[in-house]
Each structure stands twice: as structure tokens, then as C-alpha cells.
Amino acid sequence: MAASELIMTITAESKAAMDHHIAEAERIAIARAVVDGTKGIMVTRHRPNLCTVVLSDEVPYGLTRERLLN
């Protein structure tokens, strides 16, 4: 899988679980971002219990941004 194809979908039943899973996904994304060297990490909260973590051209390398869609 190429770094640009990294998409992780997270579902959780509590805020604490969601925060934990997001932190784990960010660690994975950071490892992939280092290989690519051009993309940052976008965390998108679609609903309180649904989130995606992706490598994104919209985010500068070395940064993580979060957006809310709900």
C-alpha cells in the first residue's frame, strides 16, 4: 500500500475509546508519512462515534489537523 492510500476508519462507543483509537491511528499514519515525506495527517470526525484518519495533501508534512463534519 502506498502512503497516499492510507485510510483508517475508527468506530468507538465512548469518547475515551475514540481518543485512544485515534492516537493509535496517528502513530501508524506518522510512520507512513515519514516514508512519503510530503503529506500530513487529517483526522475527520464524521459523528461522535465515527472518525477517519488519512494522509492528506491538504495538510503540510509534519502536521496533524482535525476537522468536524457533524
N, C-alpha and C. Protein backbone atom coordinates (compact mmCIF):
# COMPACT_ATOMS: atom_id res chain seq x y z
N MET A 1 0.84 -1.18 0.00
CA MET A 1 0.00 0.00 0.00
C MET A 1 0.88 1.24 0.00
N ALA A 2 0.64 2.16 -0.90
CA ALA A 2 1.37 3.42 -0.93
C ALA A 2 0.91 4.30 0.21
N ALA A 3 1.79 5.19 0.66
CA ALA A 3 1.45 6.07 1.79
C ALA A 3 0.20 6.88 1.50
N SER A 4 0.02 7.31 0.25
CA SER A 4 -1.13 8.14 -0.07
C SER A 4 -2.44 7.38 0.02
N GLU A 5 -2.40 6.04 0.09
CA GLU A 5 -3.60 5.23 0.15
C GLU A 5 -4.04 4.93 1.58
N LEU A 6 -3.35 5.44 2.56
CA LEU A 6 -3.66 5.12 3.95
C LEU A 6 -4.97 5.78 4.36
N ILE A 7 -5.97 4.96 4.67
CA ILE A 7 -7.25 5.44 5.20
C ILE A 7 -7.64 4.50 6.32
N MET A 8 -7.81 5.05 7.51
CA MET A 8 -8.24 4.24 8.65
C MET A 8 -9.57 4.77 9.15
N THR A 9 -10.53 3.87 9.29
CA THR A 9 -11.85 4.21 9.81
C THR A 9 -11.95 3.68 11.23
N ILE A 10 -12.41 4.55 12.13
CA ILE A 10 -12.47 4.20 13.54
C ILE A 10 -13.90 4.38 14.03
N THR A 11 -14.39 3.38 14.74
CA THR A 11 -15.66 3.50 15.44
C THR A 11 -15.41 3.14 16.90
N ALA A 12 -16.12 3.82 17.78
CA ALA A 12 -15.95 3.57 19.21
C ALA A 12 -17.23 3.95 19.94
N GLU A 13 -17.43 3.33 21.08
CA GLU A 13 -18.65 3.56 21.86
C GLU A 13 -18.50 4.65 22.91
N SER A 14 -17.28 5.09 23.17
CA SER A 14 -17.08 6.14 24.18
C SER A 14 -16.01 7.12 23.70
N LYS A 15 -16.02 8.31 24.29
CA LYS A 15 -15.02 9.32 23.93
C LYS A 15 -13.62 8.82 24.27
N ALA A 16 -13.47 8.19 25.42
CA ALA A 16 -12.16 7.68 25.82
C ALA A 16 -11.65 6.65 24.82
N ALA A 17 -12.51 5.75 24.39
CA ALA A 17 -12.11 4.73 23.42
C ALA A 17 -11.76 5.38 22.09
N MET A 18 -12.55 6.36 21.66
CA MET A 18 -12.29 7.06 20.40
C MET A 18 -10.93 7.75 20.46
N ASP A 19 -10.67 8.47 21.54
CA ASP A 19 -9.39 9.16 21.69
C ASP A 19 -8.22 8.18 21.64
N HIS A 20 -8.38 7.04 22.29
CA HIS A 20 -7.32 6.01 22.29
C HIS A 20 -7.08 5.49 20.87
N HIS A 21 -8.14 5.17 20.15
CA HIS A 21 -8.00 4.63 18.80
C HIS A 21 -7.44 5.68 17.83
N ILE A 22 -7.82 6.93 18.01
CA ILE A 22 -7.26 8.00 17.17
C ILE A 22 -5.75 8.11 17.41
N ALA A 23 -5.33 8.05 18.66
CA ALA A 23 -3.90 8.14 18.97
C ALA A 23 -3.14 6.98 18.33
N GLU A 24 -3.70 5.78 18.37
CA GLU A 24 -3.07 4.62 17.73
C GLU A 24 -2.99 4.81 16.22
N ALA A 25 -4.07 5.30 15.62
CA ALA A 25 -4.10 5.52 14.17
C ALA A 25 -3.09 6.60 13.77
N GLU A 26 -2.95 7.63 14.59
CA GLU A 26 -1.97 8.68 14.31
C GLU A 26 -0.55 8.11 14.32
N ARG A 27 -0.25 7.21 15.24
CA ARG A 27 1.08 6.60 15.29
C ARG A 27 1.36 5.83 13.99
N ILE A 28 0.37 5.11 13.51
CA ILE A 28 0.52 4.38 12.25
C ILE A 28 0.70 5.36 11.09
N ALA A 29 -0.11 6.41 11.07
CA ALA A 29 -0.05 7.40 9.99
C ALA A 29 1.29 8.13 9.99
N ILE A 30 1.81 8.43 11.16
CA ILE A 30 3.11 9.11 11.24
C ILE A 30 4.20 8.24 10.60
N ALA A 31 4.16 6.94 10.89
CA ALA A 31 5.16 6.03 10.31
C ALA A 31 5.06 6.03 8.79
N ARG A 32 3.85 6.06 8.25
CA ARG A 32 3.67 6.11 6.80
C ARG A 32 4.06 7.47 6.24
N ALA A 33 3.74 8.54 6.96
CA ALA A 33 4.05 9.89 6.48
C ALA A 33 5.56 10.07 6.32
N VAL A 34 6.33 9.49 7.21
CA VAL A 34 7.79 9.60 7.14
C VAL A 34 8.30 8.97 5.85
N VAL A 35 7.70 7.87 5.44
CA VAL A 35 8.11 7.21 4.19
C VAL A 35 7.79 8.10 3.00
N ASP A 36 6.59 8.68 3.00
CA ASP A 36 6.14 9.53 1.88
C ASP A 36 6.86 10.87 1.89
N GLY A 37 6.92 11.51 3.04
CA GLY A 37 7.63 12.78 3.20
C GLY A 37 6.96 14.00 2.62
N THR A 38 5.70 13.89 2.19
CA THR A 38 5.03 15.04 1.59
C THR A 38 3.63 15.32 2.14
N LYS A 39 3.09 14.41 2.91
CA LYS A 39 1.70 14.54 3.37
C LYS A 39 1.63 14.64 4.88
N GLY A 40 0.63 15.36 5.34
CA GLY A 40 0.32 15.41 6.76
C GLY A 40 -0.84 14.50 7.06
N ILE A 41 -1.35 14.59 8.28
CA ILE A 41 -2.41 13.70 8.75
C ILE A 41 -3.68 14.52 8.96
N MET A 42 -4.80 14.02 8.40
CA MET A 42 -6.10 14.64 8.61
C MET A 42 -6.97 13.67 9.40
N VAL A 43 -7.44 14.13 10.54
CA VAL A 43 -8.38 13.37 11.36
C VAL A 43 -9.73 14.03 11.15
N THR A 44 -10.70 13.26 10.65
CA THR A 44 -12.04 13.80 10.39
C THR A 44 -13.03 13.08 11.28
N ARG A 45 -13.74 13.87 12.08
CA ARG A 45 -14.79 13.31 12.94
C ARG A 45 -16.11 13.47 12.20
N HIS A 46 -16.64 12.35 11.73
CA HIS A 46 -17.88 12.35 10.96
C HIS A 46 -19.09 12.40 11.89
N ARG A 47 -19.03 11.66 12.96
CA ARG A 47 -20.05 11.61 14.01
C ARG A 47 -19.30 11.37 15.32
N PRO A 48 -19.96 11.51 16.44
CA PRO A 48 -19.25 11.27 17.71
C PRO A 48 -18.60 9.89 17.80
N ASN A 49 -19.17 8.89 17.11
CA ASN A 49 -18.62 7.55 17.21
C ASN A 49 -17.95 7.06 15.91
N LEU A 50 -17.71 7.97 14.96
CA LEU A 50 -17.10 7.60 13.68
C LEU A 50 -16.07 8.64 13.26
N CYS A 51 -14.89 8.16 12.91
CA CYS A 51 -13.78 9.04 12.58
C CYS A 51 -12.92 8.37 11.51
N THR A 52 -12.26 9.17 10.66
CA THR A 52 -11.27 8.64 9.73
C THR A 52 -9.95 9.36 9.95
N VAL A 53 -8.89 8.63 9.71
CA VAL A 53 -7.52 9.18 9.77
C VAL A 53 -6.87 8.85 8.44
N VAL A 54 -6.41 9.89 7.73
CA VAL A 54 -5.81 9.70 6.40
C VAL A 54 -4.56 10.56 6.26
N LEU A 55 -3.69 10.16 5.33
CA LEU A 55 -2.61 11.04 4.90
C LEU A 55 -3.19 11.95 3.84
N SER A 56 -2.89 13.24 3.93
CA SER A 56 -3.56 14.21 3.07
C SER A 56 -2.59 15.24 2.50
N ASP A 57 -2.80 15.55 1.22
CA ASP A 57 -2.05 16.66 0.60
C ASP A 57 -2.49 18.00 1.16
N GLU A 58 -3.68 18.06 1.76
CA GLU A 58 -4.21 19.30 2.32
C GLU A 58 -3.49 19.73 3.60
N VAL A 59 -2.77 18.80 4.20
CA VAL A 59 -2.08 19.06 5.46
C VAL A 59 -0.58 19.00 5.20
N PRO A 60 0.16 20.04 5.60
CA PRO A 60 1.61 20.02 5.40
C PRO A 60 2.27 18.86 6.15
N TYR A 61 3.31 18.32 5.55
CA TYR A 61 4.08 17.24 6.16
C TYR A 61 4.51 17.66 7.56
N GLY A 62 4.38 16.75 8.51
CA GLY A 62 4.79 17.01 9.88
C GLY A 62 3.68 17.52 10.77
N LEU A 63 2.49 17.79 10.19
CA LEU A 63 1.38 18.31 10.98
C LEU A 63 0.21 17.34 10.98
N THR A 64 -0.61 17.44 12.02
CA THR A 64 -1.89 16.74 12.09
C THR A 64 -2.97 17.79 12.28
N ARG A 65 -4.03 17.68 11.47
CA ARG A 65 -5.17 18.59 11.60
C ARG A 65 -6.42 17.77 11.85
N GLU A 66 -7.37 18.39 12.53
CA GLU A 66 -8.63 17.72 12.81
C GLU A 66 -9.77 18.59 12.31
N ARG A 67 -10.80 17.94 11.74
CA ARG A 67 -11.98 18.68 11.32
C ARG A 67 -13.22 17.90 11.77
N LEU A 68 -14.27 18.67 12.00
CA LEU A 68 -15.55 18.11 12.43
C LEU A 68 -16.54 18.24 11.30
N LEU A 69 -17.23 17.18 10.95
CA LEU A 69 -18.24 17.23 9.91
C LEU A 69 -19.65 17.16 10.48
N ASN A 70 -19.81 16.92 11.76
CA ASN A 70 -21.15 16.79 12.33
C ASN A 70 -21.69 18.08 12.86
